[in-house]
Amino acid sequence: MKRGSGKNKGSGFERDIAKKLSLWVSDGERTDIFWRSAGSGSKATVTGEETQSGDICAVHELGRPFVKKFFTEIKFYRNLNLPGLIFGQLKRSGTTSGVTDFWIKTREQAEKFNKLPLLIMKQNNLPILLGVSAETLYQFKAAWGNIVVGLARFPQYNLVVLDFDSLLKNCDGAISWK
């Protein structure tokens, strides 16, 4: 990738995720339920009933229960340092801690807005992953049963990693998030 193109890659990924989530909550009928937050989550504003925080906001009423429940961050990086998360090597020469930093910040922001944290993340040449807290996993299992299976658990961070596309494919996104 050309130097300086990372922002475009991240913005495009956010748009793709917004469309995927839109199709998911509308049972495949709409691509315009969610969109990138203004400033891509860099500012959070509350106007009336609409809350904008994280990287995704609802632009249609079908998405409002989801964004009221979840604080969603979306990251697409060349290297998320997944081995560092697995093996506890959080800092490497030339590499930030990646997923652990993103997850800690996502949890802090979610707590600030009294929401459950979701971290949708992608590393080059790997599938899309979803990071959730144990509490979120419990709610997912209550909604969808044992079909929700974590790929890896990191109790020290209260992080469970799921396959994002499998969740969308196998679980009904049209459920109420109230």
Foldseek 3Di string as FASTA:
>chain_A
DDPPCQVVVQQVVQLVVQQLLQCQQVVNDDRQQKHFFVVQQPDWDDDPPFTDHHGMGGPDPSCSQVVLAEHEHEEEEQPQPPVCLVVVVQDDVPDHSHPLVVLVVQCVRCVVSVHWYWYWYYHPPDAIKIKGAPVVVVVQCVQQNPQFDFPDDDVVSRITIGRVVSCSVRGRNNDGND
